[in-house]
PDB file of N, CA and C in Angstrom:
ATOM      1  N   MET A   1     112.380  99.550  88.053  1.00  0.00           N
ATOM      2  CA  MET A   1     112.554  98.171  88.450  1.00  0.00           C
ATOM      3  C   MET A   1     111.721  97.289  87.521  1.00  0.00           C
ATOM      4  N   VAL A   2     112.304  96.200  87.140  1.00  0.00           N
ATOM      5  CA  VAL A   2     111.617  95.215  86.313  1.00  0.00           C
ATOM      6  C   VAL A   2     111.636  93.898  87.072  1.00  0.00           C
ATOM      7  N   LYS A   3     110.455  93.379  87.363  1.00  0.00           N
ATOM      8  CA  LYS A   3     110.318  92.132  88.128  1.00  0.00           C
ATOM      9  C   LYS A   3     111.083  92.208  89.447  1.00  0.00           C
ATOM     10  N   GLY A   4     111.055  93.362  90.087  1.00  0.00           N
ATOM     11  CA  GLY A   4     111.688  93.541  91.386  1.00  0.00           C
ATOM     12  C   GLY A   4     113.187  93.790  91.350  1.00  0.00           C
ATOM     13  N   HIS A   5     113.756  93.960  90.171  1.00  0.00           N
ATOM     14  CA  HIS A   5     115.194  94.172  90.042  1.00  0.00           C
ATOM     15  C   HIS A   5     115.481  95.554  89.464  1.00  0.00           C
ATOM     16  N   LEU A   6     116.475  96.207  90.017  1.00  0.00           N
ATOM     17  CA  LEU A   6     116.880  97.520  89.534  1.00  0.00           C
ATOM     18  C   LEU A   6     117.569  97.379  88.181  1.00  0.00           C
ATOM     19  N   VAL A   7     117.109  98.128  87.193  1.00  0.00           N
ATOM     20  CA  VAL A   7     117.701  98.044  85.862  1.00  0.00           C
ATOM     21  C   VAL A   7     118.406  99.329  85.461  1.00  0.00           C
ATOM     22  N   SER A   8     118.195 100.386  86.206  1.00  0.00           N
ATOM     23  CA  SER A   8     118.834 101.651  85.849  1.00  0.00           C
ATOM     24  C   SER A   8     118.997 102.515  87.088  1.00  0.00           C
ATOM     25  N   TRP A   9     120.133 103.187  87.164  1.00  0.00           N
ATOM     26  CA  TRP A   9     120.390 104.103  88.262  1.00  0.00           C
ATOM     27  C   TRP A   9     121.326 105.178  87.748  1.00  0.00           C
ATOM     28  N   ARG A  10     121.013 106.412  88.037  1.00  0.00           N
ATOM     29  CA  ARG A  10     121.877 107.492  87.573  1.00  0.00           C
ATOM     30  C   ARG A  10     121.848 108.635  88.577  1.00  0.00           C
ATOM     31  N   THR A  11     123.005 109.215  88.791  1.00  0.00           N
ATOM     32  CA  THR A  11     123.094 110.443  89.561  1.00  0.00           C
ATOM     33  C   THR A  11     124.013 111.369  88.788  1.00  0.00           C
ATOM     34  N   LYS A  12     123.592 112.604  88.648  1.00  0.00           N
ATOM     35  CA  LYS A  12     124.335 113.512  87.788  1.00  0.00           C
ATOM     36  C   LYS A  12     124.056 114.948  88.196  1.00  0.00           C
ATOM     37  N   LYS A  13     125.060 115.775  88.102  1.00  0.00           N
ATOM     38  CA  LYS A  13     124.877 117.199  88.353  1.00  0.00           C
ATOM     39  C   LYS A  13     124.124 117.800  87.165  1.00  0.00           C
ATOM     40  N   GLN A  14     123.101 118.601  87.461  1.00  0.00           N
ATOM     41  CA  GLN A  14     122.315 119.188  86.379  1.00  0.00           C
ATOM     42  C   GLN A  14     123.147 120.225  85.625  1.00  0.00           C
ATOM     43  N   PRO A  15     123.045 120.232  84.288  1.00  0.00           N
ATOM     44  CA  PRO A  15     123.857 121.149  83.485  1.00  0.00           C
ATOM     45  C   PRO A  15     123.350 122.592  83.485  1.00  0.00           C
ATOM     46  N   THR A  16     122.163 122.826  84.039  1.00  0.00           N
ATOM     47  CA  THR A  16     121.606 124.179  84.049  1.00  0.00           C
ATOM     48  C   THR A  16     121.363 124.642  85.479  1.00  0.00           C
ATOM     49  N   ILE A  17     121.209 125.928  85.641  1.00  0.00           N
ATOM     50  CA  ILE A  17     120.932 126.502  86.955  1.00  0.00           C
ATOM     51  C   ILE A  17     119.428 126.490  87.183  1.00  0.00           C
ATOM     52  N   SER A  18     119.032 126.034  88.357  1.00  0.00           N
ATOM     53  CA  SER A  18     117.618 126.044  88.730  1.00  0.00           C
ATOM     54  C   SER A  18     117.413 127.133  89.768  1.00  0.00           C
ATOM     55  N   HIS A  19     116.290 127.820  89.663  1.00  0.00           N
ATOM     56  CA  HIS A  19     115.999 128.919  90.573  1.00  0.00           C
ATOM     57  C   HIS A  19     115.305 128.464  91.847  1.00  0.00           C
ATOM     58  N   SER A  20     114.914 127.197  91.908  1.00  0.00           N
ATOM     59  CA  SER A  20     114.256 126.672  93.101  1.00  0.00           C
ATOM     60  C   SER A  20     114.420 125.158  93.138  1.00  0.00           C
ATOM     61  N   THR A  21     114.159 124.575  94.301  1.00  0.00           N
ATOM     62  CA  THR A  21     114.222 123.117  94.399  1.00  0.00           C
ATOM     63  C   THR A  21     113.103 122.476  93.590  1.00  0.00           C
ATOM     64  N   THR A  22     111.969 123.161  93.492  1.00  0.00           N
ATOM     65  CA  THR A  22     110.864 122.651  92.678  1.00  0.00           C
ATOM     66  C   THR A  22     111.296 122.525  91.223  1.00  0.00           C
ATOM     67  N   GLU A  23     111.950 123.551  90.725  1.00  0.00           N
ATOM     68  CA  GLU A  23     112.420 123.525  89.338  1.00  0.00           C
ATOM     69  C   GLU A  23     113.461 122.430  89.135  1.00  0.00           C
ATOM     70  N   ALA A  24     114.372 122.269  90.087  1.00  0.00           N
ATOM     71  CA  ALA A  24     115.400 121.231  89.983  1.00  0.00           C
ATOM     72  C   ALA A  24     114.769 119.840  89.966  1.00  0.00           C
ATOM     73  N   GLU A  25     113.795 119.609  90.836  1.00  0.00           N
ATOM     74  CA  GLU A  25     113.103 118.320  90.874  1.00  0.00           C
ATOM     75  C   GLU A  25     112.321 118.078  89.583  1.00  0.00           C
ATOM     76  N   TYR A  26     111.714 119.127  89.051  1.00  0.00           N
ATOM     77  CA  TYR A  26     110.949 119.015  87.803  1.00  0.00           C
ATOM     78  C   TYR A  26     111.868 118.624  86.646  1.00  0.00           C
ATOM     79  N   LYS A  27     113.034 119.248  86.586  1.00  0.00           N
ATOM     80  CA  LYS A  27     113.999 118.909  85.536  1.00  0.00           C
ATOM     81  C   LYS A  27     114.478 117.469  85.693  1.00  0.00           C
ATOM     82  N   ALA A  28     114.706 117.047  86.932  1.00  0.00           N
ATOM     83  CA  ALA A  28     115.136 115.671  87.180  1.00  0.00           C
ATOM     84  C   ALA A  28     114.038 114.679  86.788  1.00  0.00           C
ATOM     85  N   LEU A  29     112.788 115.030  87.084  1.00  0.00           N
ATOM     86  CA  LEU A  29     111.660 114.177  86.685  1.00  0.00           C
ATOM     87  C   LEU A  29     111.594 114.024  85.171  1.00  0.00           C
ATOM     88  N   THR A  30     111.792 115.127  84.468  1.00  0.00           N
ATOM     89  CA  THR A  30     111.747 115.082  83.008  1.00  0.00           C
ATOM     90  C   THR A  30     112.847 114.184  82.461  1.00  0.00           C
ATOM     91  N   ASN A  31     114.049 114.304  83.004  1.00  0.00           N
ATOM     92  CA  ASN A  31     115.143 113.440  82.556  1.00  0.00           C
ATOM     93  C   ASN A  31     114.847 111.975  82.866  1.00  0.00           C
ATOM     94  N   MET A  32     114.226 111.731  84.020  1.00  0.00           N
ATOM     95  CA  MET A  32     113.884 110.367  84.390  1.00  0.00           C
ATOM     96  C   MET A  32     112.833 109.796  83.436  1.00  0.00           C
ATOM     97  N   THR A  33     111.865 110.604  83.036  1.00  0.00           N
ATOM     98  CA  THR A  33     110.828 110.107  82.127  1.00  0.00           C
ATOM     99  C   THR A  33     111.405 109.747  80.765  1.00  0.00           C
ATOM    100  N   LYS A  34     112.414 110.475  80.334  1.00  0.00           N
ATOM    101  CA  LYS A  34     113.059 110.137  79.057  1.00  0.00           C
ATOM    102  C   LYS A  34     113.711 108.763  79.141  1.00  0.00           C
ATOM    103  N   GLU A  35     114.354 108.482  80.274  1.00  0.00           N
ATOM    104  CA  GLU A  35     114.991 107.183  80.434  1.00  0.00           C
ATOM    105  C   GLU A  35     113.950 106.074  80.563  1.00  0.00           C
ATOM    106  N   VAL A  36     112.864 106.348  81.271  1.00  0.00           N
ATOM    107  CA  VAL A  36     111.792 105.357  81.401  1.00  0.00           C
ATOM    108  C   VAL A  36     111.193 105.040  80.036  1.00  0.00           C
ATOM    109  N   GLU A  37     110.990 106.058  79.232  1.00  0.00           N
ATOM    110  CA  GLU A  37     110.440 105.832  77.895  1.00  0.00           C
ATOM    111  C   GLU A  37     111.389 104.967  77.058  1.00  0.00           C
ATOM    112  N   TRP A  38     112.689 105.207  77.187  1.00  0.00           N
ATOM    113  CA  TRP A  38     113.672 104.395  76.475  1.00  0.00           C
ATOM    114  C   TRP A  38     113.616 102.947  76.960  1.00  0.00           C
ATOM    115  N   LEU A  39     113.491 102.756  78.284  1.00  0.00           N
ATOM    116  CA  LEU A  39     113.418 101.401  78.833  1.00  0.00           C
ATOM    117  C   LEU A  39     112.157 100.672  78.365  1.00  0.00           C
ATOM    118  N   ILE A  40     111.050 101.396  78.250  1.00  0.00           N
ATOM    119  CA  ILE A  40     109.809 100.795  77.741  1.00  0.00           C
ATOM    120  C   ILE A  40     110.035 100.264  76.330  1.00  0.00           C
ATOM    121  N   GLN A  41     110.667 101.073  75.491  1.00  0.00           N
ATOM    122  CA  GLN A  41     110.935 100.651  74.116  1.00  0.00           C
ATOM    123  C   GLN A  41     111.884  99.458  74.077  1.00  0.00           C
ATOM    124  N   LEU A  42     112.889  99.458  74.954  1.00  0.00           N
ATOM    125  CA  LEU A  42     113.828  98.339  75.015  1.00  0.00           C
ATOM    126  C   LEU A  42     113.113  97.052  75.423  1.00  0.00           C
ATOM    127  N   LEU A  43     112.280  97.127  76.453  1.00  0.00           N
ATOM    128  CA  LEU A  43     111.550  95.943  76.907  1.00  0.00           C
ATOM    129  C   LEU A  43     110.603  95.418  75.835  1.00  0.00           C
ATOM    130  N   GLU A  44     109.999  96.307  75.066  1.00  0.00           N
ATOM    131  CA  GLU A  44     109.135  95.874  73.965  1.00  0.00           C
ATOM    132  C   GLU A  44     109.943  95.170  72.883  1.00  0.00           C
ATOM    133  N   GLU A  45     111.136  95.682  72.620  1.00  0.00           N
ATOM    134  CA  GLU A  45     111.988  95.085  71.585  1.00  0.00           C
ATOM    135  C   GLU A  45     112.432  93.681  71.946  1.00  0.00           C
ATOM    136  N   ILE A  46     112.716  93.448  73.216  1.00  0.00           N
ATOM    137  CA  ILE A  46     113.191  92.128  73.629  1.00  0.00           C
ATOM    138  C   ILE A  46     112.067  91.278  74.234  1.00  0.00           C
ATOM    139  N   ASP A  47     110.829  91.689  74.010  1.00  0.00           N
ATOM    140  CA  ASP A  47     109.626  90.954  74.431  1.00  0.00           C
ATOM    141  C   ASP A  47     109.574  90.670  75.929  1.00  0.00           C
ATOM    142  N   LEU A  48     109.885  91.661  76.739  1.00  0.00           N
ATOM    143  CA  LEU A  48     109.767  91.528  78.192  1.00  0.00           C
ATOM    144  C   LEU A  48     108.735  92.490  78.773  1.00  0.00           C
ATOM    145  N   ASN A  49     107.852  92.980  77.961  1.00  0.00           N
ATOM    146  CA  ASN A  49     106.855  93.948  78.428  1.00  0.00           C
ATOM    147  C   ASN A  49     105.560  93.246  78.816  1.00  0.00           C
ATOM    148  N   GLU A  50     105.655  92.248  79.671  1.00  0.00           N
ATOM    149  CA  GLU A  50     104.517  91.424  80.064  1.00  0.00           C
ATOM    150  C   GLU A  50     103.360  92.275  80.577  1.00  0.00           C
ATOM    151  N   GLY A  51     102.254  92.242  79.886  1.00  0.00           N
ATOM    152  CA  GLY A  51     101.076  92.966  80.307  1.00  0.00           C
ATOM    153  C   GLY A  51     101.144  94.458  80.077  1.00  0.00           C
ATOM    154  N   ASN A  52     102.293  94.960  79.703  1.00  0.00           N
ATOM    155  CA  ASN A  52     102.495  96.375  79.399  1.00  0.00           C
ATOM    156  C   ASN A  52     101.961  97.314  80.487  1.00  0.00           C
ATOM    157  N   PRO A  53     102.392  97.139  81.760  1.00  0.00           N
ATOM    158  CA  PRO A  53     101.907  98.025  82.817  1.00  0.00           C
ATOM    159  C   PRO A  53     102.483  99.434  82.671  1.00  0.00           C
ATOM    160  N   THR A  54     101.729 100.416  83.121  1.00  0.00           N
ATOM    161  CA  THR A  54     102.192 101.800  83.083  1.00  0.00           C
ATOM    162  C   THR A  54     103.240 101.995  84.172  1.00  0.00           C
ATOM    163  N   PRO A  55     104.432 102.483  83.835  1.00  0.00           N
ATOM    164  CA  PRO A  55     105.471 102.702  84.844  1.00  0.00           C
ATOM    165  C   PRO A  55     105.028 103.723  85.895  1.00  0.00           C
ATOM    166  N   GLN A  56     105.349 103.432  87.154  1.00  0.00           N
ATOM    167  CA  GLN A  56     105.034 104.316  88.271  1.00  0.00           C
ATOM    168  C   GLN A  56     106.287 105.104  88.633  1.00  0.00           C
ATOM    169  N   LEU A  57     106.186 106.419  88.627  1.00  0.00           N
ATOM    170  CA  LEU A  57     107.278 107.279  89.063  1.00  0.00           C
ATOM    171  C   LEU A  57     106.847 107.947  90.360  1.00  0.00           C
ATOM    172  N   PHE A  58     107.760 108.009  91.325  1.00  0.00           N
ATOM    173  CA  PHE A  58     107.446 108.582  92.621  1.00  0.00           C
ATOM    174  C   PHE A  58     108.335 109.783  92.883  1.00  0.00           C
ATOM    175  N   ASN A  59     107.758 110.811  93.493  1.00  0.00           N
ATOM    176  CA  ASN A  59     108.513 112.019  93.812  1.00  0.00           C
ATOM    177  C   ASN A  59     107.998 112.572  95.127  1.00  0.00           C
ATOM    178  N   ASN A  60     108.891 113.220  95.877  1.00  0.00           N
ATOM    179  CA  ASN A  60     108.500 113.772  97.170  1.00  0.00           C
ATOM    180  C   ASN A  60     108.364 115.292  97.142  1.00  0.00           C
ATOM    181  N   LYS A  61     108.341 115.886  95.975  1.00  0.00           N
ATOM    182  CA  LYS A  61     108.211 117.344  95.850  1.00  0.00           C
ATOM    183  C   LYS A  61     106.877 117.662  95.181  1.00  0.00           C
ATOM    184  N   LYS A  62     105.910 118.111  95.982  1.00  0.00           N
ATOM    185  CA  LYS A  62     104.566 118.370  95.455  1.00  0.00           C
ATOM    186  C   LYS A  62     104.574 119.442  94.368  1.00  0.00           C
ATOM    187  N   GLY A  63     105.441 120.430  94.490  1.00  0.00           N
ATOM    188  CA  GLY A  63     105.517 121.483  93.479  1.00  0.00           C
ATOM    189  C   GLY A  63     105.922 120.945  92.121  1.00  0.00           C
ATOM    190  N   ALA A  64     106.875 120.019  92.107  1.00  0.00           N
ATOM    191  CA  ALA A  64     107.316 119.418  90.844  1.00  0.00           C
ATOM    192  C   ALA A  64     106.204 118.564  90.239  1.00  0.00           C
ATOM    193  N   ILE A  65     105.462 117.877  91.080  1.00  0.00           N
ATOM    194  CA  ILE A  65     104.342 117.071  90.590  1.00  0.00           C
ATOM    195  C   ILE A  65     103.257 117.978  90.023  1.00  0.00           C
ATOM    196  N   ASP A  66     102.984 119.089  90.710  1.00  0.00           N
ATOM    197  CA  ASP A  66     102.004 120.056  90.199  1.00  0.00           C
ATOM    198  C   ASP A  66     102.429 120.607  88.842  1.00  0.00           C
ATOM    199  N   LEU A  67     103.724 120.893  88.703  1.00  0.00           N
ATOM    200  CA  LEU A  67     104.227 121.372  87.412  1.00  0.00           C
ATOM    201  C   LEU A  67     104.022 120.322  86.324  1.00  0.00           C
ATOM    202  N   ALA A  68     104.302 119.071  86.656  1.00  0.00           N
ATOM    203  CA  ALA A  68     104.154 117.994  85.678  1.00  0.00           C
ATOM    204  C   ALA A  68     102.703 117.835  85.235  1.00  0.00           C
ATOM    205  N   PHE A  69     101.782 118.054  86.151  1.00  0.00           N
ATOM    206  CA  PHE A  69     100.360 117.973  85.815  1.00  0.00           C
ATOM    207  C   PHE A  69      99.819 119.306  85.321  1.00  0.00           C
ATOM    208  N   ARG A  70     100.687 120.298  85.210  1.00  0.00           N
ATOM    209  CA  ARG A  70     100.346 121.651  84.760  1.00  0.00           C
ATOM    210  C   ARG A  70      99.383 122.364  85.703  1.00  0.00           C
ATOM    211  N   ASN A  71      99.479 122.064  86.987  1.00  0.00           N
ATOM    212  CA  ASN A  71      98.643 122.740  87.970  1.00  0.00           C
ATOM    213  C   ASN A  71      99.361 123.924  88.591  1.00  0.00           C
ATOM    214  N   ALA A  72     100.670 124.007  88.406  1.00  0.00           N
ATOM    215  CA  ALA A  72     101.457 125.015  89.110  1.00  0.00           C
ATOM    216  C   ALA A  72     101.273 126.418  88.560  1.00  0.00           C
ATOM    217  N   ASN A  73     100.882 126.563  87.307  1.00  0.00           N
ATOM    218  CA  ASN A  73     100.689 127.902  86.754  1.00  0.00           C
ATOM    219  C   ASN A  73      99.618 128.661  87.520  1.00  0.00           C
ATOM    220  N   HIS A  74      98.685 127.936  88.101  1.00  0.00           N
ATOM    221  CA  HIS A  74      97.640 128.576  88.892  1.00  0.00           C
ATOM    222  C   HIS A  74      98.192 129.066  90.229  1.00  0.00           C
ATOM    223  N   ASN A  75      99.307 128.495  90.664  1.00  0.00           N
ATOM    224  CA  ASN A  75      99.899 128.886  91.940  1.00  0.00           C
ATOM    225  C   ASN A  75     100.925 129.999  91.775  1.00  0.00           C
ATOM    226  N   GLY A  76     101.083 130.532  90.594  1.00  0.00           N
ATOM    227  CA  GLY A  76     102.001 131.641  90.361  1.00  0.00           C
ATOM    228  C   GLY A  76     103.430 131.225  90.075  1.00  0.00           C
ATOM    229  N   PHE A  77     103.691 129.939  89.883  1.00  0.00           N
ATOM    230  CA  PHE A  77     105.049 129.497  89.593  1.00  0.00           C
ATOM    231  C   PHE A  77     105.370 129.813  88.140  1.00  0.00           C
ATOM    232  N   LYS A  78     106.452 130.524  87.912  1.00  0.00           N
ATOM    233  CA  LYS A  78     106.833 130.946  86.558  1.00  0.00           C
ATOM    234  C   LYS A  78     107.620 129.836  85.863  1.00  0.00           C
ATOM    235  N   THR A  79     107.217 129.509  84.638  1.00  0.00           N
ATOM    236  CA  THR A  79     107.908 128.460  83.890  1.00  0.00           C
ATOM    237  C   THR A  79     108.377 128.924  82.523  1.00  0.00           C
ATOM    238  N   LYS A  80     108.169 130.187  82.191  1.00  0.00           N
ATOM    239  CA  LYS A  80     108.557 130.660  80.857  1.00  0.00           C
ATOM    240  C   LYS A  80     110.056 130.549  80.613  1.00  0.00           C
ATOM    241  N   HIS A  81     110.863 130.681  81.666  1.00  0.00           N
ATOM    242  CA  HIS A  81     112.311 130.640  81.495  1.00  0.00           C
ATOM    243  C   HIS A  81     112.829 129.224  81.256  1.00  0.00           C
ATOM    244  N   MET A  82     112.016 128.202  81.523  1.00  0.00           N
ATOM    245  CA  MET A  82     112.445 126.824  81.314  1.00  0.00           C
ATOM    246  C   MET A  82     112.232 126.436  79.860  1.00  0.00           C
ATOM    247  N   GLY A  83     113.140 125.656  79.328  1.00  0.00           N
ATOM    248  CA  GLY A  83     113.030 125.214  77.945  1.00  0.00           C
ATOM    249  C   GLY A  83     111.859 124.268  77.753  1.00  0.00           C
ATOM    250  N   ILE A  84     111.368 124.204  76.539  1.00  0.00           N
ATOM    251  CA  ILE A  84     110.233 123.340  76.217  1.00  0.00           C
ATOM    252  C   ILE A  84     110.565 121.877  76.493  1.00  0.00           C
ATOM    253  N   LYS A  85     111.822 121.502  76.379  1.00  0.00           N
ATOM    254  CA  LYS A  85     112.189 120.103  76.583  1.00  0.00           C
ATOM    255  C   LYS A  85     111.843 119.612  77.983  1.00  0.00           C
ATOM    256  N   TYR A  86     111.747 120.528  78.943  1.00  0.00           N
ATOM    257  CA  TYR A  86     111.416 120.114  80.300  1.00  0.00           C
ATOM    258  C   TYR A  86     109.923 119.902  80.500  1.00  0.00           C
ATOM    259  N   HIS A  87     109.100 120.349  79.574  1.00  0.00           N
ATOM    260  CA  HIS A  87     107.660 120.162  79.703  1.00  0.00           C
ATOM    261  C   HIS A  87     107.183 118.879  79.022  1.00  0.00           C
ATOM    262  N   TYR A  88     108.115 118.080  78.557  1.00  0.00           N
ATOM    263  CA  TYR A  88     107.824 116.818  77.880  1.00  0.00           C
ATOM    264  C   TYR A  88     107.068 115.854  78.795  1.00  0.00           C
ATOM    265  N   ILE A  89     107.348 115.908  80.076  1.00  0.00           N
ATOM    266  CA  ILE A  89     106.727 115.003  81.045  1.00  0.00           C
ATOM    267  C   ILE A  89     105.208 115.153  81.054  1.00  0.00           C
ATOM    268  N   HIS A  90     104.729 116.366  80.839  1.00  0.00           N
ATOM    269  CA  HIS A  90     103.280 116.601  80.841  1.00  0.00           C
ATOM    270  C   HIS A  90     102.585 115.773  79.764  1.00  0.00           C
ATOM    271  N   ASP A  91     103.174 115.704  78.587  1.00  0.00           N
ATOM    272  CA  ASP A  91     102.587 114.931  77.490  1.00  0.00           C
ATOM    273  C   ASP A  91     102.560 113.437  77.811  1.00  0.00           C
ATOM    274  N   LEU A  92     103.618 112.944  78.455  1.00  0.00           N
ATOM    275  CA  LEU A  92     103.660 111.524  78.798  1.00  0.00           C
ATOM    276  C   LEU A  92     102.608 111.169  79.841  1.00  0.00           C
ATOM    277  N   ILE A  93     102.383 112.066  80.791  1.00  0.00           N
ATOM    278  CA  ILE A  93     101.349 111.829  81.803  1.00  0.00           C
ATOM    279  C   ILE A  93      99.969 111.874  81.156  1.00  0.00           C
ATOM    280  N   LYS A  94      99.752 112.868  80.301  1.00  0.00           N
ATOM    281  CA  LYS A  94      98.453 113.032  79.636  1.00  0.00           C
ATOM    282  C   LYS A  94      98.107 111.822  78.769  1.00  0.00           C
ATOM    283  N   ASN A  95      99.117 111.231  78.128  1.00  0.00           N
ATOM    284  CA  ASN A  95      98.904 110.076  77.254  1.00  0.00           C
ATOM    285  C   ASN A  95      99.022 108.744  77.996  1.00  0.00           C
ATOM    286  N   SER A  96      99.097 108.781  79.318  1.00  0.00           N
ATOM    287  CA  SER A  96      99.180 107.589  80.183  1.00  0.00           C
ATOM    288  C   SER A  96     100.381 106.702  79.874  1.00  0.00           C
ATOM    289  N   VAL A  97     101.477 107.307  79.429  1.00  0.00           N
ATOM    290  CA  VAL A  97     102.711 106.551  79.209  1.00  0.00           C
ATOM    291  C   VAL A  97     103.380 106.286  80.554  1.00  0.00           C
ATOM    292  N   ILE A  98     103.269 107.248  81.479  1.00  0.00           N
ATOM    293  CA  ILE A  98     103.792 107.100  82.834  1.00  0.00           C
ATOM    294  C   ILE A  98     102.721 107.535  83.824  1.00  0.00           C
ATOM    295  N   ASN A  99     102.904 107.127  85.076  1.00  0.00           N
ATOM    296  CA  ASN A  99     102.006 107.521  86.151  1.00  0.00           C
ATOM    297  C   ASN A  99     102.869 108.128  87.254  1.00  0.00           C
ATOM    298  N   LEU A 100     102.619 109.366  87.600  1.00  0.00           N
ATOM    299  CA  LEU A 100     103.423 110.085  88.586  1.00  0.00           C
ATOM    300  C   LEU A 100     102.652 110.193  89.885  1.00  0.00           C
ATOM    301  N   LYS A 101     103.290 109.786  90.988  1.00  0.00           N
ATOM    302  CA  LYS A 101     102.635 109.804  92.292  1.00  0.00           C
ATOM    303  C   LYS A 101     103.528 110.458  93.338  1.00  0.00           C
ATOM    304  N   TYR A 102     102.869 111.024  94.337  1.00  0.00           N
ATOM    305  CA  TYR A 102     103.575 111.632  95.465  1.00  0.00           C
ATOM    306  C   TYR A 102     103.894 110.553  96.495  1.00  0.00           C
ATOM    307  N   VAL A 103     105.072 110.656  97.090  1.00  0.00           N
ATOM    308  CA  VAL A 103     105.455 109.769  98.186  1.00  0.00           C
ATOM    309  C   VAL A 103     106.132 110.626  99.253  1.00  0.00           C
ATOM    310  N   PHE A 104     105.881 110.317 100.515  1.00  0.00           N
ATOM    311  CA  PHE A 104     106.489 111.076 101.603  1.00  0.00           C
ATOM    312  C   PHE A 104     108.003 110.913 101.579  1.00  0.00           C
ATOM    313  N   THR A 105     108.703 111.947 101.995  1.00  0.00           N
ATOM    314  CA  THR A 105     110.165 111.940 101.974  1.00  0.00           C
ATOM    315  C   THR A 105     110.733 110.771 102.765  1.00  0.00           C
ATOM    316  N   ASN A 106     110.170 110.495 103.950  1.00  0.00           N
ATOM    317  CA  ASN A 106     110.728 109.407 104.766  1.00  0.00           C
ATOM    318  C   ASN A 106     110.438 108.021 104.186  1.00  0.00           C
ATOM    319  N   ALA A 107     109.621 107.940 103.146  1.00  0.00           N
ATOM    320  CA  ALA A 107     109.352 106.663 102.481  1.00  0.00           C
ATOM    321  C   ALA A 107     110.211 106.472 101.231  1.00  0.00           C
ATOM    322  N   MET A 108     111.022 107.459 100.891  1.00  0.00           N
ATOM    323  CA  MET A 108     111.885 107.367  99.709  1.00  0.00           C
ATOM    324  C   MET A 108     113.058 106.435 100.021  1.00  0.00           C
ATOM    325  N   ALA A 109     113.125 105.327  99.330  1.00  0.00           N
ATOM    326  CA  ALA A 109     114.145 104.319  99.609  1.00  0.00           C
ATOM    327  C   ALA A 109     115.549 104.783  99.243  1.00  0.00           C
ATOM    328  N   ALA A 110     115.694 105.650  98.260  1.00  0.00           N
ATOM    329  CA  ALA A 110     117.020 106.047  97.777  1.00  0.00           C
ATOM    330  C   ALA A 110     117.525 107.351  98.381  1.00  0.00           C
ATOM    331  N   ASP A 111     116.785 107.957  99.287  1.00  0.00           N
ATOM    332  CA  ASP A 111     117.208 109.238  99.855  1.00  0.00           C
ATOM    333  C   ASP A 111     118.576 109.164 100.526  1.00  0.00           C
ATOM    334  N   PHE A 112     118.876 108.049 101.173  1.00  0.00           N
ATOM    335  CA  PHE A 112     120.151 107.952 101.875  1.00  0.00           C
ATOM    336  C   PHE A 112     121.339 107.927 100.914  1.00  0.00           C
ATOM    337  N   LEU A 113     121.092 107.712  99.631  1.00  0.00           N
ATOM    338  CA  LEU A 113     122.173 107.727  98.649  1.00  0.00           C
ATOM    339  C   LEU A 113     122.508 109.140  98.175  1.00  0.00           C
ATOM    340  N   THR A 114     121.604 110.082  98.393  1.00  0.00           N
ATOM    341  CA  THR A 114     121.810 111.435  97.885  1.00  0.00           C
ATOM    342  C   THR A 114     121.897 112.495  98.969  1.00  0.00           C
ATOM    343  N   LYS A 115     121.555 112.152 100.216  1.00  0.00           N
ATOM    344  CA  LYS A 115     121.558 113.133 101.301  1.00  0.00           C
ATOM    345  C   LYS A 115     122.195 112.528 102.532  1.00  0.00           C
ATOM    346  N   SER A 116     122.618 113.388 103.431  1.00  0.00           N
ATOM    347  CA  SER A 116     123.087 112.879 104.712  1.00  0.00           C
ATOM    348  C   SER A 116     121.861 112.648 105.587  1.00  0.00           C
ATOM    349  N   VAL A 117     121.704 111.424 106.040  1.00  0.00           N
ATOM    350  CA  VAL A 117     120.550 111.051 106.854  1.00  0.00           C
ATOM    351  C   VAL A 117     121.030 110.269 108.066  1.00  0.00           C
ATOM    352  N   GLY A 118     120.152 110.080 109.005  1.00  0.00           N
ATOM    353  CA  GLY A 118     120.503 109.356 110.224  1.00  0.00           C
ATOM    354  C   GLY A 118     120.648 107.866 109.996  1.00  0.00           C
ATOM    355  N   LYS A 119     121.215 107.178 111.004  1.00  0.00           N
ATOM    356  CA  LYS A 119     121.432 105.733 110.900  1.00  0.00           C
ATOM    357  C   LYS A 119     120.124 104.958 110.831  1.00  0.00           C
ATOM    358  N   THR A 120     119.067 105.497 111.417  1.00  0.00           N
ATOM    359  CA  THR A 120     117.774 104.820 111.384  1.00  0.00           C
ATOM    360  C   THR A 120     117.296 104.644 109.954  1.00  0.00           C
ATOM    361  N   ILE A 121     117.397 105.687 109.160  1.00  0.00           N
ATOM    362  CA  ILE A 121     116.947 105.618 107.770  1.00  0.00           C
ATOM    363  C   ILE A 121     117.852 104.697 106.963  1.00  0.00           C
ATOM    364  N   GLN A 122     119.156 104.735 107.229  1.00  0.00           N
ATOM    365  CA  GLN A 122     120.076 103.864 106.495  1.00  0.00           C
ATOM    366  C   GLN A 122     119.793 102.402 106.785  1.00  0.00           C
ATOM    367  N   SER A 123     119.517 102.067 108.034  1.00  0.00           N
ATOM    368  CA  SER A 123     119.254 100.670 108.371  1.00  0.00           C
ATOM    369  C   SER A 123     117.904 100.208 107.828  1.00  0.00           C
ATOM    370  N   ARG A 124     116.947 101.130 107.678  1.00  0.00           N
ATOM    371  CA  ARG A 124     115.635 100.804 107.128  1.00  0.00           C
ATOM    372  C   ARG A 124     115.757 100.405 105.669  1.00  0.00           C
ATOM    373  N   SER A 125     116.641 101.061 104.926  1.00  0.00           N
ATOM    374  CA  SER A 125     116.803 100.785 103.500  1.00  0.00           C
ATOM    375  C   SER A 125     117.642  99.578 103.348  1.00  0.00           C
TER     376      SER A 125
END
């Protein structure tokens, strides 16, 4: 979001098989960071990067966040089978290009667009 307005939205079936939901979320996070990085460059080009704030990314999967911060290897999660391109997010976090935070599932505003949820959640969004 830029100045409170949505500038990008994408939903897509992943082209690879994931062995767990953590891995699927991690791959989705990596793809999202690539788009965020592109948007940062676009905003800089058109001089709309007021104050140059670090983009905030939110995720409700603690395992994927641990992987992004490289904490998951200590928990026994295997990542050797994943391509190096998916570990790109770690470098962006380390260099403060993006900021990744955990958010509770029921606080995710877009969940009703991707899952079947009750009317209460739909009316809240």
